[in-house]
């Protein structure tokens, strides 16, 4: 299951836990949600069971954020593949 996140919210990780259940979880961070990809914030996604984290390259560049090495920066082509090809379920939070 791919979670598409576009902002930081206090209840995001709890929603991921509840909606994702026992499924494998990945997160695609866009806009202000890229802050979840920093060294400080990434552990909160891990605690929610998110196994892989992607961040939109343009959002990272626009905000000049230093991401954790565990966060994969992706371009639009890869984002399309993630949404259209790689995952059957997409949840926008």
Foldseek 3Di string as FASTA:
>chain_A
DEEEEEADDPCVLVCLLVVVPPHAYAYEYEAHRCVCQAPVNVVSNVVSRHDAAEYEPVNCVVVVDDGDPRYHYDYPVVVCCVPPPVDPDYHYD
